[in-house]
């Protein structure tokens, strides 16, 4: 069993913000793979369940707000007895240009507070992840103000294109694990 987690903040005001790219990703997977999300209080999030290549897979959007995402991930992983290597966390990364993506097997949170809370709550940094670039802040938009800002039209088109291209990568993770996913997909866009 695999657990795919998309990070974001609940509420209309956050829907199209840079920080909600994990939610956007799972929403697109839901449309493409016919997954319905249902709010589950015991998991502190919205949960969708599907079989991907015969593997039961859970899709989770924590409702705890970004900085407490670990509560939702821990509750779900414990209930379903899912090991950390079978979890893929999808979130925004300011250190990558807008639309760039990178799969990682483990590591620090890089300052992303939702990922940091997941690492703290699960007690390990060996959690696979898909980081999607949102770029650095510019002008007066930096830090919190920047991640809570919306994408412009050109950026949003690029993000949606990247999400669409990366959905098959999630299927590779589910079937083959993070190392194969990294080997097959990291850096491929730059080589084209």
C-alpha atoms as a PDB file:
ATOM      1  CA  UNK A   1       0.000   0.000   0.000  1.00  0.00           C
ATOM      2  CA  UNK A   2       1.216   3.495  -0.859  1.00  0.00           C
ATOM      3  CA  UNK A   3       0.304   6.912   0.530  1.00  0.00           C
ATOM      4  CA  UNK A   4       0.515   9.953  -1.743  1.00  0.00           C
ATOM      5  CA  UNK A   5       0.311  13.239   0.171  1.00  0.00           C
ATOM      6  CA  UNK A   6      -0.257  16.645  -1.404  1.00  0.00           C
ATOM      7  CA  UNK A   7       0.501  19.597   0.864  1.00  0.00           C
ATOM      8  CA  UNK A   8      -1.476  22.820   0.994  1.00  0.00           C
ATOM      9  CA  UNK A   9      -3.795  24.969   3.079  1.00  0.00           C
ATOM     10  CA  UNK A  10      -7.545  24.542   3.238  1.00  0.00           C
ATOM     11  CA  UNK A  11      -9.855  27.445   2.431  1.00  0.00           C
ATOM     12  CA  UNK A  12     -10.860  29.408  -0.668  1.00  0.00           C
ATOM     13  CA  UNK A  13      -8.285  32.144  -0.044  1.00  0.00           C
ATOM     14  CA  UNK A  14      -5.430  29.640  -0.455  1.00  0.00           C
ATOM     15  CA  UNK A  15      -6.754  27.612  -3.418  1.00  0.00           C
ATOM     16  CA  UNK A  16      -4.533  28.906  -6.217  1.00  0.00           C
ATOM     17  CA  UNK A  17      -1.536  29.981  -4.152  1.00  0.00           C
ATOM     18  CA  UNK A  18       2.007  28.721  -4.667  1.00  0.00           C
ATOM     19  CA  UNK A  19       1.925  26.940  -1.310  1.00  0.00           C
ATOM     20  CA  UNK A  20      -1.012  24.802  -2.481  1.00  0.00           C
ATOM     21  CA  UNK A  21       0.731  23.078  -5.347  1.00  0.00           C
ATOM     22  CA  UNK A  22       0.444  19.708  -3.554  1.00  0.00           C
ATOM     23  CA  UNK A  23      -3.348  20.066  -3.381  1.00  0.00           C
ATOM     24  CA  UNK A  24      -3.419  21.126  -7.054  1.00  0.00           C
ATOM     25  CA  UNK A  25      -1.429  18.031  -7.979  1.00  0.00           C
ATOM     26  CA  UNK A  26      -3.794  15.664  -6.141  1.00  0.00           C
ATOM     27  CA  UNK A  27      -6.828  17.431  -7.614  1.00  0.00           C
ATOM     28  CA  UNK A  28      -5.466  16.743 -11.108  1.00  0.00           C
ATOM     29  CA  UNK A  29      -4.705  13.099 -10.215  1.00  0.00           C
ATOM     30  CA  UNK A  30      -8.259  12.842  -8.896  1.00  0.00           C
ATOM     31  CA  UNK A  31      -9.668  14.083 -12.218  1.00  0.00           C
ATOM     32  CA  UNK A  32      -7.403  11.873 -14.333  1.00  0.00           C
ATOM     33  CA  UNK A  33      -7.740   8.696 -12.246  1.00  0.00           C
ATOM     34  CA  UNK A  34     -11.360   9.163 -11.056  1.00  0.00           C
ATOM     35  CA  UNK A  35     -10.548   9.525  -7.364  1.00  0.00           C
ATOM     36  CA  UNK A  36     -13.104  11.074  -5.018  1.00  0.00           C
ATOM     37  CA  UNK A  37     -11.823  12.773  -1.877  1.00  0.00           C
ATOM     38  CA  UNK A  38     -13.790  12.551   1.340  1.00  0.00           C
ATOM     39  CA  UNK A  39     -13.061  14.451   4.551  1.00  0.00           C
ATOM     40  CA  UNK A  40     -11.915  11.979   7.231  1.00  0.00           C
ATOM     41  CA  UNK A  41     -11.802  13.486  10.723  1.00  0.00           C
ATOM     42  CA  UNK A  42      -9.719  10.647  12.153  1.00  0.00           C
ATOM     43  CA  UNK A  43      -6.995  11.426   9.588  1.00  0.00           C
ATOM     44  CA  UNK A  44      -7.388  15.212   9.785  1.00  0.00           C
ATOM     45  CA  UNK A  45      -7.624  15.419   6.018  1.00  0.00           C
ATOM     46  CA  UNK A  46      -9.404  14.555   2.796  1.00  0.00           C
ATOM     47  CA  UNK A  47      -8.712  11.013   1.660  1.00  0.00           C
ATOM     48  CA  UNK A  48      -9.138   9.321  -1.694  1.00  0.00           C
ATOM     49  CA  UNK A  49      -8.531   5.615  -2.323  1.00  0.00           C
ATOM     50  CA  UNK A  50      -7.760   3.923  -5.627  1.00  0.00           C
ATOM     51  CA  UNK A  51      -5.961   0.931  -7.067  1.00  0.00           C
ATOM     52  CA  UNK A  52      -3.014   1.899  -9.246  1.00  0.00           C
ATOM     53  CA  UNK A  53      -1.560  -1.036 -11.156  1.00  0.00           C
ATOM     54  CA  UNK A  54      -3.238  -3.365  -8.606  1.00  0.00           C
ATOM     55  CA  UNK A  55      -1.619  -1.508  -5.673  1.00  0.00           C
ATOM     56  CA  UNK A  56      -4.040  -0.027  -3.150  1.00  0.00           C
ATOM     57  CA  UNK A  57      -3.086   3.636  -2.906  1.00  0.00           C
ATOM     58  CA  UNK A  58      -4.267   6.371  -0.567  1.00  0.00           C
ATOM     59  CA  UNK A  59      -4.273  10.028  -1.618  1.00  0.00           C
ATOM     60  CA  UNK A  60      -4.254  12.519   1.255  1.00  0.00           C
ATOM     61  CA  UNK A  61      -4.774  16.271   1.465  1.00  0.00           C
ATOM     62  CA  UNK A  62      -4.181  17.287   5.117  1.00  0.00           C
ATOM     63  CA  UNK A  63      -6.770  19.685   6.568  1.00  0.00           C
ATOM     64  CA  UNK A  64      -4.475  20.786   9.388  1.00  0.00           C
ATOM     65  CA  UNK A  65      -2.973  23.742   7.518  1.00  0.00           C
ATOM     66  CA  UNK A  66       0.528  23.465   6.153  1.00  0.00           C
ATOM     67  CA  UNK A  67       2.591  23.765   9.337  1.00  0.00           C
ATOM     68  CA  UNK A  68       0.813  20.837  11.041  1.00  0.00           C
ATOM     69  CA  UNK A  69       0.723  18.452   8.059  1.00  0.00           C
ATOM     70  CA  UNK A  70       2.603  15.799  10.043  1.00  0.00           C
ATOM     71  CA  UNK A  71      -0.435  15.187  12.281  1.00  0.00           C
ATOM     72  CA  UNK A  72      -2.515  14.085   9.307  1.00  0.00           C
ATOM     73  CA  UNK A  73       0.248  12.026   7.675  1.00  0.00           C
ATOM     74  CA  UNK A  74       1.130  10.273  10.955  1.00  0.00           C
ATOM     75  CA  UNK A  75      -2.519   9.426  11.741  1.00  0.00           C
ATOM     76  CA  UNK A  76      -3.054   7.965   8.257  1.00  0.00           C
ATOM     77  CA  UNK A  77       0.257   6.081   8.109  1.00  0.00           C
ATOM     78  CA  UNK A  78      -0.291   4.588  11.577  1.00  0.00           C
ATOM     79  CA  UNK A  79      -3.882   3.520  10.869  1.00  0.00           C
ATOM     80  CA  UNK A  80      -2.978   1.793   7.607  1.00  0.00           C
ATOM     81  CA  UNK A  81       0.468   0.629   8.821  1.00  0.00           C
ATOM     82  CA  UNK A  82       2.332   2.339   5.966  1.00  0.00           C
ATOM     83  CA  UNK A  83       6.137   2.547   6.106  1.00  0.00           C
ATOM     84  CA  UNK A  84       7.848   5.865   5.388  1.00  0.00           C
ATOM     85  CA  UNK A  85       9.432   4.567   2.163  1.00  0.00           C
ATOM     86  CA  UNK A  86       5.892   3.962   0.823  1.00  0.00           C
ATOM     87  CA  UNK A  87       4.876   7.606   1.326  1.00  0.00           C
ATOM     88  CA  UNK A  88       5.355  10.253  -1.357  1.00  0.00           C
ATOM     89  CA  UNK A  89       4.921  13.878  -0.256  1.00  0.00           C
ATOM     90  CA  UNK A  90       4.279  16.481  -2.962  1.00  0.00           C
ATOM     91  CA  UNK A  91       4.986  20.122  -2.129  1.00  0.00           C
ATOM     92  CA  UNK A  92       6.291  23.494  -3.270  1.00  0.00           C
ATOM     93  CA  UNK A  93       9.992  24.360  -3.337  1.00  0.00           C
ATOM     94  CA  UNK A  94      11.291  27.936  -3.570  1.00  0.00           C
ATOM     95  CA  UNK A  95      14.791  26.747  -4.515  1.00  0.00           C
ATOM     96  CA  UNK A  96      13.596  25.346  -7.849  1.00  0.00           C
ATOM     97  CA  UNK A  97      12.479  27.534 -10.773  1.00  0.00           C
ATOM     98  CA  UNK A  98       8.745  27.677 -11.453  1.00  0.00           C
ATOM     99  CA  UNK A  99       7.562  24.373 -12.884  1.00  0.00           C
ATOM    100  CA  UNK A 100      10.758  22.395 -12.358  1.00  0.00           C
ATOM    101  CA  UNK A 101      10.369  19.173 -10.404  1.00  0.00           C
ATOM    102  CA  UNK A 102      12.648  16.884  -8.462  1.00  0.00           C
ATOM    103  CA  UNK A 103      12.063  13.531  -6.795  1.00  0.00           C
ATOM    104  CA  UNK A 104      14.100  12.852  -3.654  1.00  0.00           C
ATOM    105  CA  UNK A 105      14.461   9.792  -1.469  1.00  0.00           C
ATOM    106  CA  UNK A 106      15.243  11.650   1.762  1.00  0.00           C
ATOM    107  CA  UNK A 107      16.702  14.839   3.174  1.00  0.00           C
ATOM    108  CA  UNK A 108      15.922  17.913   5.189  1.00  0.00           C
ATOM    109  CA  UNK A 109      12.772  19.977   4.721  1.00  0.00           C
ATOM    110  CA  UNK A 110      14.727  22.757   3.022  1.00  0.00           C
ATOM    111  CA  UNK A 111      12.734  25.200   5.148  1.00  0.00           C
ATOM    112  CA  UNK A 112       9.329  23.949   3.914  1.00  0.00           C
ATOM    113  CA  UNK A 113       7.372  23.900   7.170  1.00  0.00           C
ATOM    114  CA  UNK A 114       4.829  21.252   6.151  1.00  0.00           C
ATOM    115  CA  UNK A 115       7.568  18.818   5.169  1.00  0.00           C
ATOM    116  CA  UNK A 116       9.446  19.771   8.335  1.00  0.00           C
ATOM    117  CA  UNK A 117       6.440  18.835  10.472  1.00  0.00           C
ATOM    118  CA  UNK A 118       6.078  15.500   8.661  1.00  0.00           C
ATOM    119  CA  UNK A 119       9.765  14.724   9.319  1.00  0.00           C
ATOM    120  CA  UNK A 120       9.317  15.671  12.996  1.00  0.00           C
ATOM    121  CA  UNK A 121       6.121  13.668  13.505  1.00  0.00           C
ATOM    122  CA  UNK A 122       7.340  10.545  11.667  1.00  0.00           C
ATOM    123  CA  UNK A 123      10.767  10.800  13.312  1.00  0.00           C
ATOM    124  CA  UNK A 124      12.725  10.331  10.082  1.00  0.00           C
ATOM    125  CA  UNK A 125      13.893  12.319   7.068  1.00  0.00           C
ATOM    126  CA  UNK A 126      13.810   9.176   4.887  1.00  0.00           C
ATOM    127  CA  UNK A 127      10.493  10.121   3.323  1.00  0.00           C
ATOM    128  CA  UNK A 128      10.250  10.167  -0.484  1.00  0.00           C
ATOM    129  CA  UNK A 129       9.089  13.425  -1.973  1.00  0.00           C
ATOM    130  CA  UNK A 130       8.294  15.289  -5.148  1.00  0.00           C
ATOM    131  CA  UNK A 131       9.333  18.923  -4.954  1.00  0.00           C
ATOM    132  CA  UNK A 132       7.783  21.301  -7.474  1.00  0.00           C
ATOM    133  CA  UNK A 133       9.476  24.617  -8.092  1.00  0.00           C
ATOM    134  CA  UNK A 134       7.637  27.846  -7.401  1.00  0.00           C
ATOM    135  CA  UNK A 135      10.673  30.124  -7.788  1.00  0.00           C
ATOM    136  CA  UNK A 136      12.038  32.665  -5.353  1.00  0.00           C
ATOM    137  CA  UNK A 137      10.232  35.773  -4.212  1.00  0.00           C
ATOM    138  CA  UNK A 138      10.816  39.026  -5.975  1.00  0.00           C
ATOM    139  CA  UNK A 139      10.458  42.655  -5.013  1.00  0.00           C
ATOM    140  CA  UNK A 140       8.259  43.010  -1.960  1.00  0.00           C
ATOM    141  CA  UNK A 141       6.965  39.437  -2.337  1.00  0.00           C
ATOM    142  CA  UNK A 142       9.311  37.243  -0.311  1.00  0.00           C
ATOM    143  CA  UNK A 143       8.946  34.442   2.218  1.00  0.00           C
ATOM    144  CA  UNK A 144       5.417  33.915   3.525  1.00  0.00           C
ATOM    145  CA  UNK A 145       3.936  36.666   1.329  1.00  0.00           C
ATOM    146  CA  UNK A 146       5.427  35.025  -1.751  1.00  0.00           C
ATOM    147  CA  UNK A 147       4.326  31.434  -1.064  1.00  0.00           C
ATOM    148  CA  UNK A 148       0.808  32.672  -0.308  1.00  0.00           C
ATOM    149  CA  UNK A 149       0.649  34.672  -3.555  1.00  0.00           C
ATOM    150  CA  UNK A 150      -1.021  33.336  -6.694  1.00  0.00           C
ATOM    151  CA  UNK A 151       0.684  32.308  -9.909  1.00  0.00           C
ATOM    152  CA  UNK A 152       0.383  34.651 -12.869  1.00  0.00           C
ATOM    153  CA  UNK A 153      -1.317  33.223 -15.989  1.00  0.00           C
ATOM    154  CA  UNK A 154       1.930  32.154 -17.679  1.00  0.00           C
ATOM    155  CA  UNK A 155       3.209  30.463 -14.495  1.00  0.00           C
ATOM    156  CA  UNK A 156      -0.122  28.713 -13.924  1.00  0.00           C
ATOM    157  CA  UNK A 157      -0.087  27.323 -17.469  1.00  0.00           C
ATOM    158  CA  UNK A 158       3.451  26.019 -16.902  1.00  0.00           C
ATOM    159  CA  UNK A 159       2.530  24.521 -13.511  1.00  0.00           C
ATOM    160  CA  UNK A 160      -0.530  22.724 -14.892  1.00  0.00           C
ATOM    161  CA  UNK A 161       1.536  21.385 -17.794  1.00  0.00           C
ATOM    162  CA  UNK A 162       4.204  20.109 -15.373  1.00  0.00           C
ATOM    163  CA  UNK A 163       1.611  18.513 -13.119  1.00  0.00           C
ATOM    164  CA  UNK A 164       0.079  16.721 -16.088  1.00  0.00           C
ATOM    165  CA  UNK A 165       3.511  15.487 -17.220  1.00  0.00           C
ATOM    166  CA  UNK A 166       4.386  14.293 -13.702  1.00  0.00           C
ATOM    167  CA  UNK A 167       1.263  12.264 -12.945  1.00  0.00           C
ATOM    168  CA  UNK A 168       2.851   9.195 -14.657  1.00  0.00           C
ATOM    169  CA  UNK A 169       5.825   9.671 -12.293  1.00  0.00           C
ATOM    170  CA  UNK A 170       3.510   9.087  -9.350  1.00  0.00           C
ATOM    171  CA  UNK A 171       2.397   5.845 -11.013  1.00  0.00           C
ATOM    172  CA  UNK A 172       6.061   4.816 -11.359  1.00  0.00           C
ATOM    173  CA  UNK A 173       6.593   5.538  -7.645  1.00  0.00           C
ATOM    174  CA  UNK A 174       3.557   3.442  -6.719  1.00  0.00           C
ATOM    175  CA  UNK A 175       4.718   0.514  -8.854  1.00  0.00           C
ATOM    176  CA  UNK A 176       8.521   0.682  -8.526  1.00  0.00           C
ATOM    177  CA  UNK A 177       9.473   2.931  -5.599  1.00  0.00           C
ATOM    178  CA  UNK A 178      11.425   6.152  -5.265  1.00  0.00           C
ATOM    179  CA  UNK A 179      14.833   5.043  -6.601  1.00  0.00           C
ATOM    180  CA  UNK A 180      13.411   3.921  -9.948  1.00  0.00           C
ATOM    181  CA  UNK A 181      11.312   7.078 -10.119  1.00  0.00           C
ATOM    182  CA  UNK A 182      14.377   9.250  -9.520  1.00  0.00           C
ATOM    183  CA  UNK A 183      16.436   7.319 -12.072  1.00  0.00           C
ATOM    184  CA  UNK A 184      13.761   7.558 -14.731  1.00  0.00           C
ATOM    185  CA  UNK A 185      12.591  11.131 -14.218  1.00  0.00           C
ATOM    186  CA  UNK A 186      15.036  13.446 -12.435  1.00  0.00           C
ATOM    187  CA  UNK A 187      16.708  15.768 -14.919  1.00  0.00           C
ATOM    188  CA  UNK A 188      14.852  14.362 -17.928  1.00  0.00           C
ATOM    189  CA  UNK A 189      13.174  17.684 -18.784  1.00  0.00           C
ATOM    190  CA  UNK A 190      16.548  19.406 -19.041  1.00  0.00           C
ATOM    191  CA  UNK A 191      17.834  16.745 -21.467  1.00  0.00           C
ATOM    192  CA  UNK A 192      15.012  17.249 -23.992  1.00  0.00           C
END
